[in-house]
């Protein structure tokens, strides 16, 4: 099974920039995702962290060989998840 995997430099820079920005936001200002520990939306946080992981994998230039890993860490999926997480933080933060 062939899973497309964009690899040009501008796409990798976008992935790495988004991943670093969101990771730093969550680490430096955790209130962006929850006011208290009981308010954390674990499903949303899991999807956001998955997107950040995909952004780091793609951003550093790693290209998975096996199709399941290409699918899980596809930058298009990562961008979608990071975009949704950013939208959620802006709207609810």
N, C-alpha and C. Protein backbone atom coordinates (compact mmCIF):
# COMPACT_ATOMS: atom_id res chain seq x y z
N UNK A 1 0.84 -1.17 0.00
CA UNK A 1 0.00 0.00 0.00
C UNK A 1 0.89 1.24 0.00
N UNK A 2 0.62 2.16 -0.91
CA UNK A 2 1.40 3.39 -1.01
C UNK A 2 0.66 4.52 -0.30
N UNK A 3 1.33 5.13 0.65
CA UNK A 3 0.78 6.28 1.36
C UNK A 3 1.62 7.49 0.98
N UNK A 4 1.03 8.52 0.34
CA UNK A 4 1.81 9.70 -0.04
C UNK A 4 2.38 10.40 1.19
N UNK A 5 3.58 10.89 1.04
CA UNK A 5 4.28 11.52 2.15
C UNK A 5 5.06 12.72 1.64
N UNK A 6 4.50 13.95 1.76
CA UNK A 6 5.18 15.14 1.24
C UNK A 6 6.51 15.36 1.95
N UNK A 7 7.55 15.65 1.18
CA UNK A 7 8.88 15.77 1.77
C UNK A 7 9.64 17.04 1.38
N UNK A 8 9.04 18.02 0.69
CA UNK A 8 9.82 19.22 0.35
C UNK A 8 10.15 20.04 1.60
N UNK A 9 11.20 20.82 1.51
CA UNK A 9 11.69 21.61 2.64
C UNK A 9 10.64 22.56 3.22
N UNK A 10 9.87 23.31 2.43
CA UNK A 10 8.86 24.19 3.05
C UNK A 10 7.83 23.43 3.89
N UNK A 11 7.44 22.25 3.43
CA UNK A 11 6.48 21.44 4.20
C UNK A 11 7.10 20.97 5.50
N UNK A 12 8.36 20.58 5.46
CA UNK A 12 9.04 20.14 6.68
C UNK A 12 9.21 21.30 7.66
N UNK A 13 9.53 22.48 7.15
CA UNK A 13 9.66 23.64 8.03
C UNK A 13 8.33 24.01 8.67
N UNK A 14 7.24 23.90 7.91
CA UNK A 14 5.92 24.15 8.47
C UNK A 14 5.61 23.16 9.59
N UNK A 15 5.87 21.89 9.35
CA UNK A 15 5.62 20.87 10.37
C UNK A 15 6.42 21.13 11.64
N UNK A 16 7.70 21.40 11.48
CA UNK A 16 8.55 21.61 12.64
C UNK A 16 8.16 22.88 13.39
N UNK A 17 7.84 23.95 12.67
CA UNK A 17 7.44 25.20 13.31
C UNK A 17 6.15 25.03 14.11
N UNK A 18 5.16 24.40 13.50
CA UNK A 18 3.89 24.17 14.21
C UNK A 18 4.10 23.28 15.44
N UNK A 19 4.87 22.21 15.28
CA UNK A 19 5.09 21.27 16.38
C UNK A 19 5.82 21.95 17.55
N UNK A 20 6.87 22.69 17.25
CA UNK A 20 7.64 23.37 18.32
C UNK A 20 6.78 24.42 19.00
N UNK A 21 6.03 25.19 18.22
CA UNK A 21 5.19 26.24 18.79
C UNK A 21 4.13 25.67 19.73
N UNK A 22 3.43 24.64 19.28
CA UNK A 22 2.38 24.05 20.13
C UNK A 22 2.97 23.34 21.35
N UNK A 23 4.08 22.64 21.17
CA UNK A 23 4.70 21.96 22.30
C UNK A 23 5.15 22.98 23.35
N UNK A 24 5.75 24.08 22.91
CA UNK A 24 6.18 25.12 23.85
C UNK A 24 4.99 25.78 24.54
N UNK A 25 3.92 26.02 23.80
CA UNK A 25 2.72 26.61 24.39
C UNK A 25 2.18 25.71 25.51
N UNK A 26 2.10 24.42 25.25
CA UNK A 26 1.55 23.50 26.25
C UNK A 26 2.48 23.38 27.45
N UNK A 27 3.80 23.38 27.21
CA UNK A 27 4.75 23.25 28.31
C UNK A 27 4.87 24.53 29.13
N UNK A 28 4.89 25.68 28.47
CA UNK A 28 5.09 26.95 29.18
C UNK A 28 3.78 27.47 29.79
N UNK A 29 2.68 27.28 29.08
CA UNK A 29 1.39 27.81 29.54
C UNK A 29 0.33 26.70 29.48
N UNK A 30 0.36 25.77 30.45
CA UNK A 30 -0.59 24.65 30.42
C UNK A 30 -2.05 25.08 30.58
N UNK A 31 -2.29 26.29 31.08
CA UNK A 31 -3.67 26.77 31.19
C UNK A 31 -4.32 26.98 29.83
N UNK A 32 -3.53 26.92 28.78
CA UNK A 32 -4.09 27.04 27.43
C UNK A 32 -4.99 25.85 27.10
N UNK A 33 -4.71 24.71 27.74
CA UNK A 33 -5.54 23.53 27.46
C UNK A 33 -6.48 23.18 28.61
N UNK A 34 -6.19 23.66 29.82
CA UNK A 34 -7.07 23.37 30.95
C UNK A 34 -6.78 24.33 32.11
N UNK A 35 -7.83 24.76 32.78
CA UNK A 35 -7.68 25.66 33.93
C UNK A 35 -7.18 24.87 35.14
N UNK A 36 -7.71 23.67 35.34
CA UNK A 36 -7.25 22.81 36.44
C UNK A 36 -7.05 21.40 35.91
N UNK A 37 -6.45 20.57 36.72
CA UNK A 37 -6.15 19.20 36.29
C UNK A 37 -7.42 18.41 35.96
N UNK A 38 -8.51 18.76 36.59
CA UNK A 38 -9.77 18.06 36.34
C UNK A 38 -10.46 18.49 35.04
N UNK A 39 -10.01 19.61 34.47
CA UNK A 39 -10.63 20.14 33.26
C UNK A 39 -9.97 19.67 31.97
N UNK A 40 -8.93 18.87 32.08
CA UNK A 40 -8.21 18.44 30.88
C UNK A 40 -9.10 17.54 30.04
N UNK A 41 -9.22 17.86 28.77
CA UNK A 41 -9.95 17.01 27.83
C UNK A 41 -8.93 16.05 27.23
N UNK A 42 -8.88 14.85 27.80
CA UNK A 42 -7.83 13.89 27.44
C UNK A 42 -7.91 13.45 25.99
N UNK A 43 -9.11 13.34 25.45
CA UNK A 43 -9.24 12.97 24.04
C UNK A 43 -8.63 14.01 23.13
N UNK A 44 -8.94 15.28 23.40
CA UNK A 44 -8.40 16.37 22.61
C UNK A 44 -6.88 16.46 22.78
N UNK A 45 -6.41 16.32 24.02
CA UNK A 45 -4.98 16.40 24.26
C UNK A 45 -4.23 15.27 23.56
N UNK A 46 -4.82 14.08 23.54
CA UNK A 46 -4.21 12.94 22.84
C UNK A 46 -4.08 13.23 21.35
N UNK A 47 -5.14 13.74 20.75
CA UNK A 47 -5.10 14.08 19.32
C UNK A 47 -4.08 15.19 19.04
N UNK A 48 -4.03 16.18 19.92
CA UNK A 48 -3.08 17.28 19.75
C UNK A 48 -1.64 16.76 19.86
N UNK A 49 -1.38 15.90 20.83
CA UNK A 49 -0.03 15.35 21.00
C UNK A 49 0.35 14.45 19.82
N UNK A 50 -0.61 13.73 19.28
CA UNK A 50 -0.38 12.90 18.09
C UNK A 50 0.02 13.80 16.91
N UNK A 51 -0.69 14.92 16.75
CA UNK A 51 -0.35 15.86 15.69
C UNK A 51 1.03 16.46 15.89
N UNK A 52 1.37 16.80 17.14
CA UNK A 52 2.69 17.35 17.44
C UNK A 52 3.77 16.31 17.14
N UNK A 53 3.54 15.06 17.52
CA UNK A 53 4.50 14.00 17.23
C UNK A 53 4.70 13.84 15.73
N UNK A 54 3.61 13.85 14.98
CA UNK A 54 3.70 13.75 13.52
C UNK A 54 4.46 14.94 12.95
N UNK A 55 4.25 16.12 13.52
CA UNK A 55 4.97 17.31 13.07
C UNK A 55 6.47 17.21 13.32
N UNK A 56 6.86 16.69 14.48
CA UNK A 56 8.28 16.51 14.77
C UNK A 56 8.90 15.45 13.85
N UNK A 57 8.20 14.33 13.67
CA UNK A 57 8.72 13.26 12.81
C UNK A 57 8.97 13.78 11.40
N UNK A 58 7.98 14.47 10.85
CA UNK A 58 8.12 15.01 9.50
C UNK A 58 9.11 16.17 9.46
N UNK A 59 9.06 17.03 10.46
CA UNK A 59 9.87 18.24 10.47
C UNK A 59 11.37 17.98 10.51
N UNK A 60 11.79 16.92 11.19
CA UNK A 60 13.22 16.62 11.25
C UNK A 60 13.69 15.85 10.03
N UNK A 61 12.77 15.48 9.14
CA UNK A 61 13.15 14.83 7.89
C UNK A 61 13.06 13.32 7.89
N UNK A 62 12.53 12.73 8.94
CA UNK A 62 12.42 11.28 8.99
C UNK A 62 11.26 10.83 8.10
N UNK A 63 11.50 9.83 7.27
CA UNK A 63 10.46 9.29 6.39
C UNK A 63 10.25 7.82 6.74
N UNK A 64 9.12 7.48 7.38
CA UNK A 64 8.86 6.08 7.71
C UNK A 64 8.78 5.21 6.45
N UNK A 65 9.29 4.00 6.53
CA UNK A 65 9.27 3.10 5.36
C UNK A 65 7.99 2.28 5.29
N UNK A 66 7.51 1.79 6.41
CA UNK A 66 6.32 0.93 6.42
C UNK A 66 5.06 1.78 6.37
N UNK A 67 4.07 1.30 5.61
CA UNK A 67 2.87 2.10 5.39
C UNK A 67 2.08 2.39 6.66
N UNK A 68 2.01 1.50 7.68
CA UNK A 68 1.25 1.89 8.88
C UNK A 68 1.86 3.11 9.58
N UNK A 69 3.19 3.16 9.62
CA UNK A 69 3.84 4.30 10.26
C UNK A 69 3.71 5.55 9.40
N UNK A 70 3.75 5.38 8.09
CA UNK A 70 3.54 6.53 7.19
C UNK A 70 2.15 7.12 7.39
N UNK A 71 1.18 6.24 7.62
CA UNK A 71 -0.19 6.69 7.84
C UNK A 71 -0.34 7.39 9.19
N UNK A 72 0.23 6.80 10.25
CA UNK A 72 0.11 7.38 11.59
C UNK A 72 0.86 8.71 11.73
N UNK A 73 1.99 8.83 11.05
CA UNK A 73 2.79 10.05 11.18
C UNK A 73 2.79 10.86 9.89
N UNK A 74 1.74 10.78 9.13
CA UNK A 74 1.61 11.54 7.90
C UNK A 74 1.48 13.02 8.24
N UNK A 75 2.26 13.87 7.58
CA UNK A 75 2.19 15.30 7.91
C UNK A 75 0.82 15.92 7.64
N UNK A 76 0.11 15.42 6.65
CA UNK A 76 -1.23 15.98 6.39
C UNK A 76 -2.15 15.73 7.58
N UNK A 77 -2.08 14.55 8.15
CA UNK A 77 -2.86 14.24 9.35
C UNK A 77 -2.36 15.08 10.52
N UNK A 78 -1.05 15.22 10.65
CA UNK A 78 -0.49 16.03 11.72
C UNK A 78 -0.92 17.48 11.64
N UNK A 79 -0.90 18.04 10.42
CA UNK A 79 -1.34 19.42 10.25
C UNK A 79 -2.81 19.58 10.62
N UNK A 80 -3.61 18.61 10.22
CA UNK A 80 -5.04 18.65 10.55
C UNK A 80 -5.25 18.61 12.07
N UNK A 81 -4.56 17.71 12.75
CA UNK A 81 -4.70 17.59 14.20
C UNK A 81 -4.16 18.82 14.92
N UNK A 82 -3.02 19.33 14.48
CA UNK A 82 -2.47 20.54 15.11
C UNK A 82 -3.36 21.75 14.84
N UNK A 83 -3.92 21.82 13.65
CA UNK A 83 -4.84 22.92 13.34
C UNK A 83 -6.09 22.86 14.18
N UNK A 84 -6.65 21.65 14.36
CA UNK A 84 -7.83 21.51 15.20
C UNK A 84 -7.50 21.86 16.65
N UNK A 85 -6.36 21.41 17.14
CA UNK A 85 -5.96 21.74 18.51
C UNK A 85 -5.75 23.23 18.70
N UNK A 86 -5.13 23.87 17.72
CA UNK A 86 -4.94 25.32 17.79
C UNK A 86 -6.27 26.05 17.78
N UNK A 87 -7.16 25.63 16.89
CA UNK A 87 -8.50 26.23 16.85
C UNK A 87 -9.20 26.08 18.18
N UNK A 88 -9.13 24.89 18.78
CA UNK A 88 -9.80 24.64 20.06
C UNK A 88 -9.20 25.52 21.16
N UNK A 89 -7.87 25.66 21.18
CA UNK A 89 -7.23 26.50 22.19
C UNK A 89 -7.64 27.96 22.03
N UNK A 90 -7.70 28.44 20.80
CA UNK A 90 -8.08 29.84 20.55
C UNK A 90 -9.54 30.09 20.94
N UNK A 91 -10.42 29.19 20.56
CA UNK A 91 -11.85 29.38 20.83
C UNK A 91 -12.16 29.21 22.33
N UNK A 92 -11.56 28.22 22.98
CA UNK A 92 -11.91 27.92 24.38
C UNK A 92 -10.89 28.43 25.39
N UNK A 93 -9.78 28.95 24.92
CA UNK A 93 -8.73 29.38 25.84
C UNK A 93 -8.93 30.78 26.24
